[in-house]
Amino acid sequence: MPTATDFKDYYAILGVDKTATAEEIKRAYRKLARKYHPDVNPGNAKAEEQFKTINEANEVLSDLETREKYDQFGQYWKQSAAGGAPAQGTGTQAGGFDSNQSSNFDQYSNFDDFINDLLGGLGGRGRPGRSAYRTTQQPNDFSGFRSHAPAPDTEAAIALSFSDAFQGVQKRLQLDGETINVRIPAGAKPGSRIRLKGKGRPSPFSPHRGDLYLTIELLPHPFFQFAGANLTCEVPIRPDEAVLGAQIQVPTPDGRVTLTVPKGVRSGQSLRLRSKGWKLPNGDRTDLMVKLQIVSPKELSEIEQECYEKIQANSSFNPRSAIEEVML
């Protein structure tokens, strides 16, 4: 049976308040899961243990019914679901129950008797004179003790490199001591979810298990980024290539291709490489948007210096003509 030292404050583990919304819990879990994921911390046993604890906290707090039991019964929440008797002789608090009022639990044959006694002060059947269990339920609302509740689903995050997500990959996960093999399809996008039927937590009321939902997280890539459904990247070009146009080589997810830079492009302008972006489930590809950045050389050869000086001396182009009359 659990003791005071067994109790884990799942709210503190995720760094949220007890009044946190489901969305706040989800955001906190994703942030921590990304930080402590084994793929990000290879060989780090401490990070792996922290990752398991974070997953455990999320599994409890992300499920409304389980969270209610945890809030009410503290370290005894698992016993409340299983119907077992609480530990005897404890001097700790289970949820809102004041253990100083009655700590002799051996008089109860099971957890239901214990709850019925405590709920006596709330209008339920119990012995008079006992301290009431402080609960968020209405006096006669026993919905938290349904005997045929569906098996709970489990949420978890999986961090992938751009390459694994683009090509597809087989991953072996450790979840609550169980090894789970999962196939990530090619073209998995950040935020997308993969459902593994029957791989979630077991139901406390039946032999059935819920489903496991894996949320895809992508590790940052030094060159490619997402822009909606498309990919985007930034490519530097020389001033002469911007003025005269050029044929340049540009990386794509599956190799380099030739991009035609038209004459007179401006810095920050984007060009589209059709069907060179991310993979789609139907086998098609999105586009790759190439953002051009004109980069001036910091060191010039003698002939480059001479040519730039001739251009400067003979150019009639004034890029600031449109702002000459600007004033307050």
Protein backbone atom coordinates (compact mmCIF):
# COMPACT_ATOMS: atom_id res chain seq x y z
CA MET A 1 0.00 0.00 0.00
CA PRO A 2 1.25 3.53 -0.68
CA THR A 3 2.91 5.65 1.97
CA ALA A 4 3.56 9.35 2.20
CA THR A 5 6.94 8.86 0.51
CA ASP A 6 5.25 7.06 -2.43
CA PHE A 7 3.18 10.08 -3.33
CA LYS A 8 4.11 11.91 -6.53
CA ASP A 9 2.90 15.45 -7.06
CA TYR A 10 2.08 15.22 -10.76
CA TYR A 11 1.20 18.91 -10.93
CA ALA A 12 4.65 19.86 -9.63
CA ILE A 13 6.29 17.38 -12.01
CA LEU A 14 4.66 19.11 -15.01
CA GLY A 15 5.13 22.56 -13.47
CA VAL A 16 1.44 23.54 -13.53
CA ASP A 17 -1.09 24.66 -10.92
CA LYS A 18 -3.80 22.33 -9.62
CA THR A 19 -6.31 24.55 -11.42
CA ALA A 20 -4.54 24.11 -14.79
CA THR A 21 -6.74 23.48 -17.81
CA ALA A 22 -6.37 20.41 -20.02
CA GLU A 23 -4.69 22.57 -22.68
CA GLU A 24 -2.19 23.97 -20.16
CA ILE A 25 -1.33 20.46 -19.01
CA LYS A 26 -0.90 19.35 -22.62
CA ARG A 27 1.43 22.26 -23.43
CA ALA A 28 3.54 21.68 -20.31
CA TYR A 29 3.83 17.96 -21.08
CA ARG A 30 4.90 18.54 -24.69
CA LYS A 31 7.56 21.04 -23.64
CA LEU A 32 9.06 18.72 -21.04
CA ALA A 33 8.75 15.61 -23.24
CA ARG A 34 10.69 17.39 -25.97
CA LYS A 35 13.40 18.36 -23.47
CA TYR A 36 13.88 14.95 -21.84
CA HIS A 37 13.10 12.63 -24.78
CA PRO A 38 15.67 9.76 -25.06
CA ASP A 39 16.31 10.63 -28.73
CA VAL A 40 17.42 14.09 -27.62
CA ASN A 41 19.41 12.73 -24.65
CA PRO A 42 20.99 9.46 -25.88
CA GLY A 43 22.59 7.45 -23.08
CA ASN A 44 21.34 9.82 -20.36
CA ALA A 45 19.71 7.54 -17.78
CA LYS A 46 18.58 10.47 -15.61
CA ALA A 47 16.80 12.13 -18.56
CA GLU A 48 15.18 8.81 -19.48
CA GLU A 49 13.85 8.38 -15.93
CA GLN A 50 12.57 11.96 -15.94
CA PHE A 51 10.87 11.29 -19.29
CA LYS A 52 9.08 8.27 -17.80
CA THR A 53 7.93 10.34 -14.79
CA ILE A 54 6.64 13.10 -17.09
CA ASN A 55 4.68 10.54 -19.12
CA GLU A 56 3.22 9.07 -15.92
CA ALA A 57 2.11 12.52 -14.74
CA ASN A 58 0.54 13.30 -18.11
CA GLU A 59 -1.32 9.97 -18.24
CA VAL A 60 -2.99 10.73 -14.90
CA LEU A 61 -3.74 14.44 -15.36
CA SER A 62 -4.81 14.31 -19.03
CA ASP A 63 -7.66 11.91 -18.26
CA LEU A 64 -10.56 13.74 -16.58
CA GLU A 65 -11.84 10.78 -14.56
CA THR A 66 -8.37 9.71 -13.41
CA ARG A 67 -7.47 13.29 -12.53
CA GLU A 68 -10.62 13.59 -10.38
CA LYS A 69 -9.64 10.46 -8.43
CA TYR A 70 -6.08 11.75 -8.03
CA ASP A 71 -7.32 15.14 -6.77
CA GLN A 72 -9.70 13.46 -4.30
CA PHE A 73 -7.67 10.55 -2.96
CA GLY A 74 -4.02 11.64 -3.33
CA GLN A 75 -1.71 8.61 -3.07
CA TYR A 76 -4.79 6.38 -2.67
CA TRP A 77 -6.24 7.20 -6.10
CA LYS A 78 -5.21 3.83 -7.56
CA GLN A 79 -6.91 2.03 -4.69
CA SER A 80 -10.09 4.03 -5.33
CA ALA A 81 -10.14 2.77 -8.91
CA ALA A 82 -9.36 -0.84 -7.98
CA GLY A 83 -11.76 -0.97 -5.02
CA GLY A 84 -9.11 -2.07 -2.50
CA ALA A 85 -8.86 -0.97 1.11
CA PRO A 86 -6.66 2.01 1.98
CA ALA A 87 -3.42 1.65 3.91
CA GLN A 88 -3.86 1.62 7.67
CA GLY A 89 -2.09 3.72 10.25
CA THR A 90 -1.02 6.47 7.85
CA GLY A 91 -0.65 10.02 9.05
CA THR A 92 -0.84 11.62 5.59
CA GLN A 93 -3.67 13.25 3.72
CA ALA A 94 -5.41 11.54 0.83
CA GLY A 95 -6.73 14.38 -1.30
CA GLY A 96 -8.93 16.44 1.04
CA PHE A 97 -9.35 13.75 3.76
CA ASP A 98 -8.05 14.80 7.15
CA SER A 99 -6.16 11.72 8.38
CA ASN A 100 -5.95 13.11 11.91
CA GLN A 101 -9.70 12.60 12.28
CA SER A 102 -9.58 8.86 11.60
CA SER A 103 -6.46 6.89 10.74
CA ASN A 104 -7.60 3.40 11.81
CA PHE A 105 -8.45 2.02 8.35
CA ASP A 106 -8.33 -1.67 9.27
CA GLN A 107 -12.02 -1.57 10.21
CA TYR A 108 -12.92 -1.35 6.49
CA SER A 109 -13.07 -4.48 4.35
CA ASN A 110 -12.66 -2.61 1.09
CA PHE A 111 -12.38 0.87 -0.40
CA ASP A 112 -16.12 1.13 -1.10
CA ASP A 113 -16.86 0.80 2.63
CA PHE A 114 -14.25 3.46 3.32
CA ILE A 115 -15.85 5.87 0.78
CA ASN A 116 -19.40 5.18 1.98
CA ASP A 117 -18.29 6.04 5.52
CA LEU A 118 -16.59 9.26 4.45
CA LEU A 119 -19.49 10.35 2.25
CA GLY A 120 -21.85 10.08 5.20
CA GLY A 121 -21.28 13.75 5.93
CA LEU A 122 -22.36 14.58 2.37
CA GLY A 123 -25.77 12.96 2.56
CA GLY A 124 -24.60 9.46 1.62
CA ARG A 125 -24.92 6.33 3.69
CA GLY A 126 -22.32 6.26 6.47
CA ARG A 127 -21.74 6.38 10.15
CA PRO A 128 -22.66 9.68 11.85
CA GLY A 129 -19.92 11.76 13.40
CA ARG A 130 -17.24 10.99 10.79
CA SER A 131 -15.44 13.82 9.00
CA ALA A 132 -16.77 14.46 5.48
CA TYR A 133 -14.58 13.94 2.43
CA ARG A 134 -13.99 17.28 0.75
CA THR A 135 -14.86 16.67 -2.86
CA THR A 136 -15.67 18.65 -5.98
CA GLN A 137 -18.65 16.36 -6.66
CA GLN A 138 -22.18 17.39 -5.79
CA PRO A 139 -23.52 15.60 -2.65
CA ASN A 140 -25.28 12.82 -4.55
CA ASP A 141 -23.09 12.74 -7.66
CA PHE A 142 -21.26 9.39 -7.76
CA SER A 143 -20.27 9.59 -11.44
CA GLY A 144 -16.63 9.09 -10.48
CA PHE A 145 -17.47 5.54 -9.34
CA ARG A 146 -19.09 4.22 -12.53
CA SER A 147 -18.54 0.49 -12.86
CA HIS A 148 -18.57 0.37 -16.68
CA ALA A 149 -16.32 3.27 -17.69
CA PRO A 150 -14.54 2.97 -21.07
CA ALA A 151 -10.86 2.08 -21.12
CA PRO A 152 -8.75 5.27 -20.91
CA ASP A 153 -6.67 6.45 -23.88
CA THR A 154 -3.05 7.45 -23.47
CA GLU A 155 -1.29 10.49 -24.95
CA ALA A 156 2.45 10.54 -25.60
CA ALA A 157 4.89 12.55 -27.74
CA ILE A 158 7.55 11.17 -30.05
CA ALA A 159 10.42 13.36 -31.34
CA LEU A 160 11.69 12.66 -34.85
CA SER A 161 14.40 14.10 -37.06
CA PHE A 162 13.30 15.70 -40.35
CA SER A 163 14.87 12.78 -42.20
CA ASP A 164 12.98 10.09 -40.24
CA ALA A 165 9.68 11.95 -40.56
CA PHE A 166 10.18 12.55 -44.30
CA GLN A 167 11.28 9.01 -45.18
CA GLY A 168 9.21 7.11 -42.59
CA VAL A 169 10.75 4.99 -39.85
CA GLN A 170 10.19 2.08 -37.46
CA LYS A 171 10.52 3.07 -33.80
CA ARG A 172 10.64 0.99 -30.62
CA LEU A 173 9.16 2.80 -27.63
CA GLN A 174 9.23 2.07 -23.91
CA LEU A 175 5.95 3.04 -22.26
CA ASP A 176 5.20 2.04 -18.66
CA GLY A 177 7.73 -0.80 -18.90
CA GLU A 178 6.19 -2.16 -22.13
CA THR A 179 8.04 -2.25 -25.46
CA ILE A 180 5.88 -0.98 -28.32
CA ASN A 181 6.88 -1.12 -32.00
CA VAL A 182 5.40 1.63 -34.13
CA ARG A 183 5.74 2.44 -37.82
CA ILE A 184 5.86 6.15 -38.61
CA PRO A 185 4.59 6.70 -42.17
CA ALA A 186 6.56 8.84 -44.62
CA GLY A 187 5.58 12.51 -44.48
CA ALA A 188 4.59 12.68 -40.81
CA LYS A 189 4.09 16.35 -39.90
CA PRO A 190 4.59 18.11 -36.55
CA GLY A 191 1.40 18.01 -34.50
CA SER A 192 -0.06 15.02 -36.37
CA ARG A 193 -1.19 12.04 -34.29
CA ILE A 194 -0.78 8.30 -34.78
CA ARG A 195 -3.31 5.97 -33.17
CA LEU A 196 -2.18 2.59 -31.83
CA LYS A 197 -5.35 0.67 -31.05
CA GLY A 198 -5.37 -1.25 -27.78
CA LYS A 199 -1.95 0.07 -26.68
CA GLY A 200 -3.20 2.56 -24.09
CA ARG A 201 -3.71 2.12 -20.37
CA PRO A 202 -5.78 -0.81 -19.12
CA SER A 203 -9.23 -0.05 -17.74
CA PRO A 204 -9.61 -0.56 -13.97
CA PHE A 205 -13.10 -1.95 -14.62
CA SER A 206 -12.51 -4.38 -17.51
CA PRO A 207 -9.76 -6.36 -19.27
CA HIS A 208 -9.86 -3.95 -22.22
CA ARG A 209 -7.21 -1.33 -22.94
CA GLY A 210 -7.59 2.13 -24.38
CA ASP A 211 -5.73 3.46 -27.42
CA LEU A 212 -2.33 5.10 -27.53
CA TYR A 213 -2.11 8.41 -29.39
CA LEU A 214 1.39 9.52 -30.39
CA THR A 215 1.84 13.21 -31.21
CA ILE A 216 4.64 13.87 -33.70
CA GLU A 217 7.30 16.42 -32.70
CA LEU A 218 10.08 17.35 -35.14
CA LEU A 219 13.57 18.25 -33.98
CA PRO A 220 14.82 21.54 -35.50
CA HIS A 221 16.58 21.33 -38.88
CA PRO A 222 19.44 23.75 -39.68
CA PHE A 223 18.16 24.51 -43.20
CA PHE A 224 14.52 23.48 -43.76
CA GLN A 225 11.45 24.78 -41.92
CA PHE A 226 7.70 24.42 -42.34
CA ALA A 227 5.57 27.22 -43.77
CA GLY A 228 2.07 25.80 -43.58
CA ALA A 229 2.01 22.64 -45.70
CA ASN A 230 5.10 23.72 -47.67
CA LEU A 231 8.76 23.70 -46.77
CA THR A 232 10.84 26.85 -46.80
CA CYS A 233 14.57 27.56 -46.86
CA GLU A 234 16.85 30.57 -47.22
CA VAL A 235 19.49 30.67 -49.99
CA PRO A 236 22.19 33.38 -50.38
CA ILE A 237 23.02 34.85 -53.81
CA ARG A 238 25.63 37.36 -55.04
CA PRO A 239 24.75 40.92 -56.15
CA ASP A 240 25.65 40.12 -59.76
CA GLU A 241 23.39 37.04 -59.70
CA ALA A 242 20.53 39.22 -58.46
CA VAL A 243 21.14 41.84 -61.18
CA LEU A 244 21.90 39.61 -64.16
CA GLY A 245 20.01 36.43 -63.18
CA ALA A 246 21.63 33.04 -62.72
CA GLN A 247 21.26 29.27 -62.53
CA ILE A 248 22.02 28.12 -58.96
CA GLN A 249 21.97 24.78 -57.11
CA VAL A 250 19.48 24.50 -54.22
CA PRO A 251 19.18 21.64 -51.68
CA THR A 252 15.82 19.84 -51.40
CA PRO A 253 14.82 17.01 -49.03
CA ASP A 254 15.94 14.41 -51.59
CA GLY A 255 18.84 16.08 -53.40
CA ARG A 256 19.97 19.27 -55.14
CA VAL A 257 18.10 20.82 -58.08
CA THR A 258 18.74 23.77 -60.39
CA LEU A 259 16.83 26.97 -59.70
CA THR A 260 16.57 29.80 -62.23
CA VAL A 261 17.03 33.19 -60.58
CA PRO A 262 15.43 35.86 -62.82
CA LYS A 263 17.06 39.23 -63.48
CA GLY A 264 16.45 41.97 -60.94
CA VAL A 265 15.31 39.92 -57.96
CA ARG A 266 15.27 41.64 -54.60
CA SER A 267 16.58 40.40 -51.28
CA GLY A 268 13.87 38.51 -49.36
CA GLN A 269 11.97 37.51 -52.51
CA SER A 270 10.77 33.88 -52.57
CA LEU A 271 10.80 31.54 -55.55
CA ARG A 272 8.75 28.34 -55.73
CA LEU A 273 10.09 24.87 -56.50
CA ARG A 274 6.94 22.89 -57.22
CA SER A 275 6.58 19.38 -55.78
CA LYS A 276 9.96 19.60 -54.02
CA GLY A 277 8.59 20.04 -50.49
CA TRP A 278 7.10 17.60 -47.94
CA LYS A 279 5.58 14.22 -48.74
CA LEU A 280 1.79 13.84 -48.65
CA PRO A 281 -0.15 10.65 -47.71
CA ASN A 282 -1.32 10.20 -51.32
CA GLY A 283 2.27 10.19 -52.61
CA ASP A 284 2.29 13.78 -53.87
CA ARG A 285 4.65 16.49 -52.64
CA THR A 286 4.09 20.04 -51.43
CA ASP A 287 6.26 22.92 -52.69
CA LEU A 288 9.63 24.22 -51.51
CA MET A 289 9.71 27.99 -51.09
CA VAL A 290 13.23 29.38 -51.61
CA LYS A 291 13.81 32.77 -49.98
CA LEU A 292 16.66 34.66 -51.63
CA GLN A 293 19.10 36.77 -49.63
CA ILE A 294 21.52 39.03 -51.51
CA VAL A 295 24.90 38.83 -49.79
CA SER A 296 27.63 41.37 -50.52
CA PRO A 297 31.26 40.22 -50.46
CA LYS A 298 33.41 41.64 -47.65
CA GLU A 299 36.69 41.07 -49.49
CA LEU A 300 37.19 41.87 -53.19
CA SER A 301 39.88 40.95 -55.66
CA GLU A 302 41.55 43.73 -57.58
CA ILE A 303 39.41 43.19 -60.69
CA GLU A 304 36.22 42.93 -58.61
CA GLN A 305 37.06 46.22 -56.90
CA GLU A 306 37.63 47.87 -60.27
CA CYS A 307 34.39 46.54 -61.74
CA TYR A 308 32.27 47.61 -58.78
CA GLU A 309 33.83 51.10 -58.89
CA LYS A 310 32.99 51.40 -62.60
CA ILE A 311 29.39 50.30 -61.91
CA GLN A 312 29.08 52.83 -59.09
CA ALA A 313 30.48 55.63 -61.23
CA ASN A 314 28.27 54.90 -64.23
CA SER A 315 25.01 53.60 -62.70
CA SER A 316 21.85 55.66 -63.24
CA PHE A 317 19.76 53.49 -60.94
CA ASN A 318 18.59 55.13 -57.72
CA PRO A 319 16.94 52.59 -55.37
CA ARG A 320 15.94 55.40 -52.96
CA SER A 321 14.03 57.58 -55.41
CA ALA A 322 10.68 56.54 -53.92
CA ILE A 323 11.60 57.82 -50.45
CA GLU A 324 13.21 61.16 -51.37
CA GLU A 325 10.09 63.13 -50.47
CA VAL A 326 9.33 61.27 -47.24
CA MET A 327 8.99 63.52 -44.21
CA LEU A 328 6.89 63.92 -41.08
